[in-house]
């Protein structure tokens, strides 16, 4: 998995390329938590992500909880259909801000 970071004003975008699974979720979690320390909002671009496991869903939950605690934005963009299906089946779509 590769994560690239870009900044636009107060938002930090993390572009994720590759699978988010047990082997890679810790790396994403660390980058995500660091991003919340640097910026007022975080955008997670999942255009290059075609698989997410329960470990990856846990990272999204941590992101949502961190955003709420910091009163910051947390948005998922360009979510591929397979990943979106997993998010919906888990019920996470009810509290995640997902935009195409």
N, C-alpha and C. Protein backbone atom coordinates (compact mmCIF):
# COMPACT_ATOMS: atom_id res chain seq x y z
N UNK A 1 0.85 -1.17 0.00
CA UNK A 1 0.00 0.00 0.00
C UNK A 1 0.89 1.23 0.00
N UNK A 2 0.48 2.22 -0.77
CA UNK A 2 1.17 3.50 -0.81
C UNK A 2 0.20 4.60 -0.40
N UNK A 3 0.69 5.53 0.40
CA UNK A 3 -0.14 6.66 0.83
C UNK A 3 0.60 7.94 0.48
N UNK A 4 -0.05 8.78 -0.32
CA UNK A 4 0.54 10.08 -0.63
C UNK A 4 -0.32 11.17 0.00
N UNK A 5 0.34 12.22 0.40
CA UNK A 5 -0.30 13.30 1.15
C UNK A 5 -0.25 14.59 0.35
N UNK A 6 -1.36 15.31 0.33
CA UNK A 6 -1.38 16.64 -0.27
C UNK A 6 -2.26 17.54 0.59
N UNK A 7 -1.96 18.83 0.53
CA UNK A 7 -2.67 19.79 1.38
C UNK A 7 -3.35 20.85 0.54
N UNK A 8 -4.56 21.19 0.93
CA UNK A 8 -5.30 22.30 0.32
C UNK A 8 -5.93 23.09 1.45
N UNK A 9 -5.38 24.25 1.72
CA UNK A 9 -5.79 25.10 2.84
C UNK A 9 -5.76 24.32 4.14
N UNK A 10 -6.90 24.14 4.80
CA UNK A 10 -6.93 23.47 6.10
C UNK A 10 -7.19 21.97 6.00
N UNK A 11 -7.33 21.45 4.78
CA UNK A 11 -7.60 20.03 4.60
C UNK A 11 -6.36 19.28 4.13
N UNK A 12 -6.21 18.09 4.62
CA UNK A 12 -5.12 17.21 4.21
C UNK A 12 -5.75 16.01 3.51
N UNK A 13 -5.29 15.71 2.31
CA UNK A 13 -5.80 14.57 1.56
C UNK A 13 -4.78 13.46 1.60
N UNK A 14 -5.24 12.26 1.96
CA UNK A 14 -4.42 11.07 1.92
C UNK A 14 -4.94 10.19 0.79
N UNK A 15 -4.11 9.99 -0.21
CA UNK A 15 -4.49 9.16 -1.35
C UNK A 15 -3.92 7.76 -1.11
N UNK A 16 -4.80 6.78 -1.03
CA UNK A 16 -4.41 5.42 -0.69
C UNK A 16 -4.42 4.57 -1.96
N UNK A 17 -3.30 3.93 -2.24
CA UNK A 17 -3.16 3.03 -3.39
C UNK A 17 -2.88 1.63 -2.86
N UNK A 18 -3.76 0.69 -3.17
CA UNK A 18 -3.55 -0.69 -2.74
C UNK A 18 -4.58 -1.15 -1.73
N UNK A 19 -4.38 -2.35 -1.24
CA UNK A 19 -5.31 -2.98 -0.31
C UNK A 19 -5.16 -2.43 1.10
N UNK A 20 -6.29 -2.32 1.78
CA UNK A 20 -6.27 -1.97 3.20
C UNK A 20 -6.69 -3.24 3.94
N UNK A 21 -5.71 -3.91 4.53
CA UNK A 21 -5.97 -5.17 5.20
C UNK A 21 -5.16 -5.24 6.49
N UNK A 22 -5.09 -6.41 7.07
CA UNK A 22 -4.38 -6.60 8.34
C UNK A 22 -2.92 -6.15 8.25
N UNK A 23 -2.30 -6.40 7.11
CA UNK A 23 -0.89 -6.06 6.94
C UNK A 23 -0.63 -4.57 6.75
N UNK A 24 -1.62 -3.83 6.26
CA UNK A 24 -1.40 -2.42 5.92
C UNK A 24 -2.20 -1.43 6.78
N UNK A 25 -3.16 -1.92 7.53
CA UNK A 25 -4.05 -1.02 8.27
C UNK A 25 -3.32 -0.18 9.31
N UNK A 26 -2.30 -0.74 9.94
CA UNK A 26 -1.56 0.02 10.96
C UNK A 26 -0.88 1.24 10.33
N UNK A 27 -0.31 1.06 9.14
CA UNK A 27 0.34 2.18 8.43
C UNK A 27 -0.67 3.28 8.14
N UNK A 28 -1.85 2.89 7.67
CA UNK A 28 -2.89 3.89 7.37
C UNK A 28 -3.35 4.57 8.65
N UNK A 29 -3.52 3.82 9.72
CA UNK A 29 -3.95 4.41 10.98
C UNK A 29 -2.96 5.46 11.47
N UNK A 30 -1.68 5.15 11.40
CA UNK A 30 -0.66 6.11 11.83
C UNK A 30 -0.70 7.38 11.00
N UNK A 31 -0.80 7.23 9.67
CA UNK A 31 -0.86 8.39 8.78
C UNK A 31 -2.12 9.22 9.03
N UNK A 32 -3.23 8.53 9.26
CA UNK A 32 -4.50 9.20 9.49
C UNK A 32 -4.47 10.02 10.78
N UNK A 33 -3.99 9.43 11.84
CA UNK A 33 -3.93 10.14 13.12
C UNK A 33 -2.96 11.32 13.05
N UNK A 34 -1.86 11.15 12.35
CA UNK A 34 -0.91 12.24 12.15
C UNK A 34 -1.55 13.36 11.33
N UNK A 35 -2.34 12.99 10.33
CA UNK A 35 -3.02 13.99 9.50
C UNK A 35 -3.98 14.84 10.33
N UNK A 36 -4.67 14.22 11.27
CA UNK A 36 -5.59 14.99 12.13
C UNK A 36 -4.82 15.96 13.04
N UNK A 37 -3.58 15.66 13.34
CA UNK A 37 -2.77 16.58 14.13
C UNK A 37 -2.31 17.77 13.31
N UNK A 38 -2.16 17.57 12.00
CA UNK A 38 -1.64 18.62 11.11
C UNK A 38 -2.71 19.52 10.51
N UNK A 39 -3.94 19.02 10.40
CA UNK A 39 -4.95 19.74 9.63
C UNK A 39 -6.30 19.76 10.33
N UNK A 40 -7.15 20.67 9.89
CA UNK A 40 -8.49 20.80 10.44
C UNK A 40 -9.46 19.79 9.87
N UNK A 41 -9.10 19.15 8.79
CA UNK A 41 -9.95 18.13 8.18
C UNK A 41 -9.12 17.18 7.35
N UNK A 42 -9.61 15.95 7.20
CA UNK A 42 -8.90 14.94 6.45
C UNK A 42 -9.81 14.35 5.39
N UNK A 43 -9.27 14.25 4.17
CA UNK A 43 -9.97 13.61 3.06
C UNK A 43 -9.20 12.33 2.73
N UNK A 44 -9.91 11.23 2.67
CA UNK A 44 -9.30 9.95 2.33
C UNK A 44 -9.74 9.59 0.92
N UNK A 45 -8.80 9.63 -0.02
CA UNK A 45 -9.07 9.34 -1.43
C UNK A 45 -8.81 7.85 -1.67
N UNK A 46 -9.87 7.10 -1.93
CA UNK A 46 -9.76 5.66 -2.08
C UNK A 46 -9.90 5.20 -3.52
N UNK A 47 -9.60 6.06 -4.47
CA UNK A 47 -9.71 5.70 -5.89
C UNK A 47 -8.83 4.51 -6.24
N UNK A 48 -7.69 4.37 -5.59
CA UNK A 48 -6.76 3.29 -5.88
C UNK A 48 -6.87 2.11 -4.94
N UNK A 49 -7.97 2.05 -4.20
CA UNK A 49 -8.16 0.98 -3.22
C UNK A 49 -9.32 0.10 -3.67
N UNK A 50 -9.04 -1.18 -3.93
CA UNK A 50 -10.11 -2.07 -4.39
C UNK A 50 -10.47 -3.14 -3.36
N UNK A 51 -9.86 -3.09 -2.18
CA UNK A 51 -10.15 -4.07 -1.13
C UNK A 51 -9.96 -3.43 0.24
N UNK A 52 -10.92 -3.73 1.15
CA UNK A 52 -10.78 -3.30 2.54
C UNK A 52 -11.28 -4.44 3.42
N UNK A 53 -10.50 -4.77 4.44
CA UNK A 53 -10.87 -5.83 5.37
C UNK A 53 -11.47 -5.21 6.63
N UNK A 54 -11.81 -6.06 7.59
CA UNK A 54 -12.34 -5.55 8.85
C UNK A 54 -11.29 -4.70 9.58
N UNK A 55 -10.03 -5.00 9.39
CA UNK A 55 -8.96 -4.18 9.99
C UNK A 55 -8.98 -2.78 9.37
N UNK A 56 -9.25 -2.70 8.08
CA UNK A 56 -9.37 -1.41 7.41
C UNK A 56 -10.60 -0.64 7.88
N UNK A 57 -11.70 -1.36 8.07
CA UNK A 57 -12.91 -0.71 8.59
C UNK A 57 -12.65 -0.12 9.97
N UNK A 58 -11.88 -0.82 10.76
CA UNK A 58 -11.53 -0.33 12.09
C UNK A 58 -10.79 1.01 11.99
N UNK A 59 -9.91 1.15 11.01
CA UNK A 59 -9.19 2.41 10.80
C UNK A 59 -10.17 3.52 10.43
N UNK A 60 -11.14 3.22 9.60
CA UNK A 60 -12.15 4.22 9.24
C UNK A 60 -12.95 4.64 10.47
N UNK A 61 -13.27 3.69 11.33
CA UNK A 61 -13.98 4.00 12.58
C UNK A 61 -13.13 4.90 13.47
N UNK A 62 -11.85 4.61 13.57
CA UNK A 62 -10.93 5.45 14.36
C UNK A 62 -10.89 6.85 13.76
N UNK A 63 -10.85 6.95 12.43
CA UNK A 63 -10.87 8.25 11.77
C UNK A 63 -12.13 9.04 12.08
N UNK A 64 -13.27 8.37 12.02
CA UNK A 64 -14.55 9.04 12.31
C UNK A 64 -14.62 9.51 13.76
N UNK A 65 -14.16 8.67 14.68
CA UNK A 65 -14.18 9.04 16.10
C UNK A 65 -13.20 10.17 16.39
N UNK A 66 -12.04 10.14 15.75
CA UNK A 66 -11.06 11.21 15.95
C UNK A 66 -11.60 12.53 15.41
N UNK A 67 -12.21 12.48 14.25
CA UNK A 67 -12.80 13.69 13.66
C UNK A 67 -13.87 14.28 14.58
N UNK A 68 -14.71 13.41 15.11
CA UNK A 68 -15.77 13.89 16.00
C UNK A 68 -15.18 14.52 17.26
N UNK A 69 -14.18 13.89 17.84
CA UNK A 69 -13.55 14.40 19.06
C UNK A 69 -12.87 15.75 18.82
N UNK A 70 -12.29 15.91 17.64
CA UNK A 70 -11.58 17.15 17.32
C UNK A 70 -12.47 18.16 16.60
N UNK A 71 -13.73 17.80 16.39
CA UNK A 71 -14.67 18.63 15.64
C UNK A 71 -14.07 19.00 14.29
N UNK A 72 -13.54 17.98 13.62
CA UNK A 72 -12.89 18.14 12.32
C UNK A 72 -13.68 17.39 11.26
N UNK A 73 -13.38 17.68 10.02
CA UNK A 73 -14.01 16.96 8.92
C UNK A 73 -13.26 15.68 8.60
N UNK A 74 -14.00 14.68 8.17
CA UNK A 74 -13.42 13.42 7.71
C UNK A 74 -14.29 12.90 6.57
N UNK A 75 -13.74 12.92 5.36
CA UNK A 75 -14.51 12.58 4.16
C UNK A 75 -13.79 11.50 3.38
N UNK A 76 -14.55 10.55 2.85
CA UNK A 76 -14.02 9.55 1.94
C UNK A 76 -14.47 9.92 0.54
N UNK A 77 -13.54 9.92 -0.42
CA UNK A 77 -13.89 10.24 -1.80
C UNK A 77 -13.40 9.13 -2.73
N UNK A 78 -14.01 9.10 -3.91
CA UNK A 78 -13.64 8.15 -4.96
C UNK A 78 -13.62 6.71 -4.47
N UNK A 79 -14.62 6.33 -3.71
CA UNK A 79 -14.69 4.99 -3.14
C UNK A 79 -15.14 4.01 -4.23
N UNK A 80 -14.32 3.01 -4.51
CA UNK A 80 -14.66 2.02 -5.52
C UNK A 80 -15.83 1.16 -5.05
N UNK A 81 -16.54 0.57 -6.01
CA UNK A 81 -17.78 -0.15 -5.69
C UNK A 81 -17.56 -1.31 -4.71
N UNK A 82 -16.49 -2.07 -4.85
CA UNK A 82 -16.24 -3.19 -3.92
C UNK A 82 -16.05 -2.69 -2.49
N UNK A 83 -15.28 -1.64 -2.34
CA UNK A 83 -15.03 -1.08 -1.01
C UNK A 83 -16.32 -0.47 -0.46
N UNK A 84 -17.06 0.22 -1.31
CA UNK A 84 -18.32 0.82 -0.90
C UNK A 84 -19.31 -0.26 -0.43
N UNK A 85 -19.32 -1.39 -1.10
CA UNK A 85 -20.20 -2.49 -0.73
C UNK A 85 -19.87 -3.02 0.67
N UNK A 86 -18.59 -3.16 0.97
CA UNK A 86 -18.16 -3.61 2.30
C UNK A 86 -18.56 -2.58 3.36
N UNK A 87 -18.37 -1.31 3.06
CA UNK A 87 -18.74 -0.24 3.99
C UNK A 87 -20.25 -0.28 4.26
N UNK A 88 -21.03 -0.46 3.22
CA UNK A 88 -22.49 -0.51 3.37
C UNK A 88 -22.94 -1.76 4.13
N UNK A 89 -22.35 -2.91 3.80
CA UNK A 89 -22.74 -4.15 4.48
C UNK A 89 -22.43 -4.10 5.97
N UNK A 90 -21.39 -3.38 6.33
CA UNK A 90 -21.01 -3.26 7.75
C UNK A 90 -21.83 -2.19 8.47
N UNK A 91 -22.55 -1.37 7.71
CA UNK A 91 -23.35 -0.30 8.31
C UNK A 91 -22.56 0.98 8.54
N UNK A 92 -21.30 1.01 8.14
CA UNK A 92 -20.45 2.17 8.37
C UNK A 92 -20.89 3.38 7.55
N UNK A 93 -21.65 3.16 6.49
CA UNK A 93 -22.12 4.27 5.67
C UNK A 93 -23.03 5.21 6.45
N UNK A 94 -23.55 4.72 7.58
CA UNK A 94 -24.45 5.53 8.39
C UNK A 94 -23.73 6.65 9.14
N UNK A 95 -22.44 6.51 9.36
CA UNK A 95 -21.71 7.56 10.08
C UNK A 95 -20.49 8.09 9.33
N UNK A 96 -20.18 7.52 8.18
CA UNK A 96 -19.07 8.04 7.36
C UNK A 96 -19.62 8.99 6.31
N UNK A 97 -18.87 10.04 6.02
CA UNK A 97 -19.21 11.00 4.97
C UNK A 97 -18.53 10.51 3.70
N UNK A 98 -19.31 9.90 2.80
CA UNK A 98 -18.77 9.33 1.57
C UNK A 98 -19.26 10.16 0.40
N UNK A 99 -18.32 10.67 -0.37
CA UNK A 99 -18.64 11.48 -1.55
C UNK A 99 -17.92 10.90 -2.75
N UNK A 100 -18.53 11.02 -3.90
CA UNK A 100 -17.91 10.51 -5.12
C UNK A 100 -17.28 11.68 -5.84
